[in-house]
Amino acid sequence: MIVRFMKAFRVNGSYADPRKRQVFSIELSAEDEASVRERALSTLGSKHRLKRWEIDIAEVTELTADQVTNPTVKYEIGA
């Protein structure tokens, strides 16, 4: 049995909206920064019908357990 520990991240960036650039900031959990970038592209692409090249990730920040506000992410990291 392999136990993997999830970390919490905040992803900031923007995506192409037909009228203007839409800014976003989301909290996600993943094992590392590469995984959270992939998950952010997948999540935003499916929710807003965007292609990956339309999404610009400006910053990925690792969060401590007390900085997390999303209850789902808190549960996933075990906080």
N, C-alpha and C. Protein backbone atom coordinates (compact mmCIF):
# COMPACT_ATOMS: atom_id res chain seq x y z
N MET A 1 0.84 -1.18 0.00
CA MET A 1 0.00 0.00 0.00
C MET A 1 0.88 1.24 0.00
N ILE A 2 0.66 2.11 -0.95
CA ILE A 2 1.42 3.35 -1.06
C ILE A 2 0.58 4.48 -0.51
N VAL A 3 1.13 5.21 0.46
CA VAL A 3 0.44 6.35 1.04
C VAL A 3 1.10 7.62 0.48
N ARG A 4 0.30 8.44 -0.18
CA ARG A 4 0.82 9.69 -0.74
C ARG A 4 0.20 10.84 0.03
N PHE A 5 1.03 11.79 0.39
CA PHE A 5 0.56 12.94 1.14
C PHE A 5 0.26 14.08 0.19
N MET A 6 -0.91 14.63 0.33
CA MET A 6 -1.34 15.74 -0.51
C MET A 6 -0.93 17.05 0.16
N LYS A 7 -0.62 18.02 -0.68
CA LYS A 7 -0.30 19.37 -0.23
C LYS A 7 -1.36 20.31 -0.80
N ALA A 8 -1.54 21.43 -0.15
CA ALA A 8 -2.49 22.44 -0.61
C ALA A 8 -1.75 23.53 -1.37
N PHE A 9 -2.35 23.98 -2.46
CA PHE A 9 -1.77 25.03 -3.30
C PHE A 9 -2.83 26.05 -3.66
N ARG A 10 -2.41 27.29 -3.88
CA ARG A 10 -3.27 28.32 -4.45
C ARG A 10 -2.71 28.66 -5.83
N VAL A 11 -3.58 28.60 -6.82
CA VAL A 11 -3.19 28.87 -8.21
C VAL A 11 -3.83 30.19 -8.62
N ASN A 12 -3.01 31.14 -9.06
CA ASN A 12 -3.48 32.45 -9.53
C ASN A 12 -3.16 32.58 -11.01
N GLY A 13 -4.04 33.26 -11.72
CA GLY A 13 -3.80 33.48 -13.14
C GLY A 13 -5.00 34.14 -13.79
N SER A 14 -5.10 33.95 -15.11
CA SER A 14 -6.21 34.52 -15.86
C SER A 14 -6.51 33.64 -17.06
N TYR A 15 -7.69 33.85 -17.63
CA TYR A 15 -8.03 33.12 -18.84
C TYR A 15 -8.78 34.04 -19.79
N ALA A 16 -8.82 33.63 -21.05
CA ALA A 16 -9.41 34.45 -22.10
C ALA A 16 -10.93 34.34 -22.08
N ASP A 17 -11.58 35.43 -21.76
CA ASP A 17 -13.02 35.55 -21.84
C ASP A 17 -13.30 36.33 -23.12
N PRO A 18 -14.42 36.10 -23.81
CA PRO A 18 -14.66 36.84 -25.07
C PRO A 18 -14.61 38.36 -24.91
N ARG A 19 -14.94 38.87 -23.73
CA ARG A 19 -14.97 40.33 -23.54
C ARG A 19 -13.68 40.88 -22.96
N LYS A 20 -13.04 40.13 -22.04
CA LYS A 20 -11.83 40.61 -21.37
C LYS A 20 -11.11 39.44 -20.73
N ARG A 21 -9.94 39.69 -20.14
CA ARG A 21 -9.21 38.66 -19.39
C ARG A 21 -9.89 38.48 -18.04
N GLN A 22 -10.22 37.25 -17.70
CA GLN A 22 -10.86 36.94 -16.43
C GLN A 22 -9.81 36.43 -15.45
N VAL A 23 -9.67 37.07 -14.31
CA VAL A 23 -8.68 36.70 -13.30
C VAL A 23 -9.28 35.62 -12.39
N PHE A 24 -8.46 34.65 -11.98
CA PHE A 24 -8.93 33.61 -11.09
C PHE A 24 -7.90 33.31 -10.00
N SER A 25 -8.38 32.77 -8.90
CA SER A 25 -7.55 32.27 -7.81
C SER A 25 -8.30 31.09 -7.21
N ILE A 26 -7.71 29.88 -7.31
CA ILE A 26 -8.37 28.68 -6.79
C ILE A 26 -7.41 27.91 -5.90
N GLU A 27 -7.99 27.20 -4.95
CA GLU A 27 -7.22 26.33 -4.07
C GLU A 27 -7.44 24.89 -4.51
N LEU A 28 -6.35 24.15 -4.65
CA LEU A 28 -6.40 22.76 -5.06
C LEU A 28 -5.42 21.96 -4.22
N SER A 29 -5.63 20.66 -4.17
CA SER A 29 -4.67 19.79 -3.49
C SER A 29 -4.04 18.86 -4.52
N ALA A 30 -2.76 18.58 -4.33
CA ALA A 30 -2.04 17.67 -5.22
C ALA A 30 -0.74 17.27 -4.53
N GLU A 31 -0.01 16.36 -5.16
CA GLU A 31 1.24 15.88 -4.58
C GLU A 31 2.39 16.86 -4.79
N ASP A 32 2.41 17.53 -5.95
CA ASP A 32 3.50 18.47 -6.24
C ASP A 32 2.98 19.57 -7.17
N GLU A 33 3.86 20.52 -7.49
CA GLU A 33 3.46 21.68 -8.28
C GLU A 33 3.04 21.29 -9.71
N ALA A 34 3.73 20.35 -10.31
CA ALA A 34 3.38 19.93 -11.67
C ALA A 34 1.98 19.32 -11.71
N SER A 35 1.65 18.55 -10.71
CA SER A 35 0.32 17.94 -10.64
C SER A 35 -0.78 18.97 -10.43
N VAL A 36 -0.50 19.98 -9.62
CA VAL A 36 -1.52 21.00 -9.37
C VAL A 36 -1.72 21.88 -10.60
N ARG A 37 -0.68 22.12 -11.38
CA ARG A 37 -0.84 22.87 -12.64
C ARG A 37 -1.73 22.09 -13.61
N GLU A 38 -1.49 20.80 -13.72
CA GLU A 38 -2.30 19.94 -14.59
C GLU A 38 -3.75 19.93 -14.14
N ARG A 39 -3.97 19.83 -12.84
CA ARG A 39 -5.33 19.79 -12.29
C ARG A 39 -6.05 21.12 -12.50
N ALA A 40 -5.32 22.23 -12.37
CA ALA A 40 -5.93 23.55 -12.59
C ALA A 40 -6.36 23.72 -14.04
N LEU A 41 -5.51 23.32 -14.97
CA LEU A 41 -5.86 23.41 -16.39
C LEU A 41 -7.07 22.54 -16.70
N SER A 42 -7.10 21.35 -16.14
CA SER A 42 -8.21 20.43 -16.38
C SER A 42 -9.51 20.96 -15.79
N THR A 43 -9.45 21.46 -14.57
CA THR A 43 -10.65 21.95 -13.89
C THR A 43 -11.22 23.18 -14.59
N LEU A 44 -10.38 24.17 -14.87
CA LEU A 44 -10.85 25.39 -15.52
C LEU A 44 -11.32 25.12 -16.94
N GLY A 45 -10.62 24.24 -17.64
CA GLY A 45 -11.01 23.92 -19.00
C GLY A 45 -12.38 23.27 -19.08
N SER A 46 -12.67 22.37 -18.15
CA SER A 46 -13.96 21.70 -18.19
C SER A 46 -15.10 22.60 -17.70
N LYS A 47 -14.84 23.43 -16.70
CA LYS A 47 -15.90 24.29 -16.17
C LYS A 47 -16.27 25.43 -17.11
N HIS A 48 -15.26 25.99 -17.80
CA HIS A 48 -15.49 27.19 -18.61
C HIS A 48 -15.32 26.94 -20.10
N ARG A 49 -15.20 25.67 -20.50
CA ARG A 49 -15.04 25.31 -21.91
C ARG A 49 -13.86 26.04 -22.56
N LEU A 50 -12.70 25.95 -21.91
CA LEU A 50 -11.50 26.63 -22.38
C LEU A 50 -10.48 25.62 -22.88
N LYS A 51 -9.68 26.04 -23.82
CA LYS A 51 -8.52 25.26 -24.25
C LYS A 51 -7.37 25.59 -23.30
N ARG A 52 -6.40 24.68 -23.23
CA ARG A 52 -5.27 24.89 -22.32
C ARG A 52 -4.47 26.15 -22.67
N TRP A 53 -4.35 26.46 -23.93
CA TRP A 53 -3.58 27.64 -24.31
C TRP A 53 -4.28 28.95 -23.98
N GLU A 54 -5.57 28.90 -23.62
CA GLU A 54 -6.32 30.09 -23.23
C GLU A 54 -6.15 30.42 -21.75
N ILE A 55 -5.56 29.51 -20.99
CA ILE A 55 -5.40 29.69 -19.55
C ILE A 55 -3.94 30.05 -19.24
N ASP A 56 -3.73 31.15 -18.55
CA ASP A 56 -2.39 31.59 -18.13
C ASP A 56 -2.27 31.44 -16.62
N ILE A 57 -1.40 30.54 -16.18
CA ILE A 57 -1.15 30.39 -14.75
C ILE A 57 0.03 31.29 -14.39
N ALA A 58 -0.22 32.28 -13.55
CA ALA A 58 0.80 33.26 -13.20
C ALA A 58 1.63 32.79 -12.00
N GLU A 59 0.97 32.14 -11.03
CA GLU A 59 1.67 31.82 -9.79
C GLU A 59 1.04 30.59 -9.13
N VAL A 60 1.88 29.73 -8.59
CA VAL A 60 1.44 28.59 -7.79
C VAL A 60 2.13 28.70 -6.44
N THR A 61 1.35 28.78 -5.37
CA THR A 61 1.88 28.96 -4.02
C THR A 61 1.44 27.79 -3.14
N GLU A 62 2.39 27.20 -2.43
CA GLU A 62 2.04 26.14 -1.49
C GLU A 62 1.49 26.78 -0.21
N LEU A 63 0.40 26.21 0.32
CA LEU A 63 -0.25 26.75 1.50
C LEU A 63 -0.04 25.84 2.70
N THR A 64 -0.04 26.43 3.87
CA THR A 64 -0.05 25.64 5.10
C THR A 64 -1.51 25.30 5.42
N ALA A 65 -1.71 24.36 6.32
CA ALA A 65 -3.06 23.90 6.64
C ALA A 65 -3.95 25.02 7.19
N ASP A 66 -3.39 25.96 7.93
CA ASP A 66 -4.22 27.04 8.49
C ASP A 66 -4.54 28.13 7.47
N GLN A 67 -3.89 28.15 6.32
CA GLN A 67 -4.17 29.14 5.28
C GLN A 67 -5.27 28.68 4.32
N VAL A 68 -5.64 27.42 4.36
CA VAL A 68 -6.62 26.86 3.43
C VAL A 68 -8.03 27.26 3.86
N THR A 69 -8.84 27.75 2.90
CA THR A 69 -10.21 28.14 3.19
C THR A 69 -11.23 27.19 2.56
N ASN A 70 -10.84 26.46 1.53
CA ASN A 70 -11.74 25.54 0.85
C ASN A 70 -11.90 24.26 1.68
N PRO A 71 -13.14 23.91 2.10
CA PRO A 71 -13.34 22.74 2.94
C PRO A 71 -12.95 21.42 2.26
N THR A 72 -13.12 21.33 0.96
CA THR A 72 -12.75 20.11 0.24
C THR A 72 -11.24 19.91 0.27
N VAL A 73 -10.49 20.98 0.08
CA VAL A 73 -9.03 20.90 0.10
C VAL A 73 -8.56 20.56 1.51
N LYS A 74 -9.21 21.14 2.52
CA LYS A 74 -8.85 20.81 3.92
C LYS A 74 -9.01 19.32 4.18
N TYR A 75 -10.10 18.76 3.71
CA TYR A 75 -10.33 17.33 3.89
C TYR A 75 -9.28 16.49 3.15
N GLU A 76 -8.96 16.89 1.92
CA GLU A 76 -8.01 16.12 1.12
C GLU A 76 -6.59 16.12 1.69
N ILE A 77 -6.21 17.20 2.37
CA ILE A 77 -4.86 17.24 2.95
C ILE A 77 -4.86 16.72 4.39
N GLY A 78 -6.03 16.44 4.93
CA GLY A 78 -6.11 15.87 6.27
C GLY A 78 -6.02 16.89 7.38
N ALA A 79 -6.45 18.12 7.10
CA ALA A 79 -6.39 19.17 8.12
C ALA A 79 -7.66 19.22 8.93
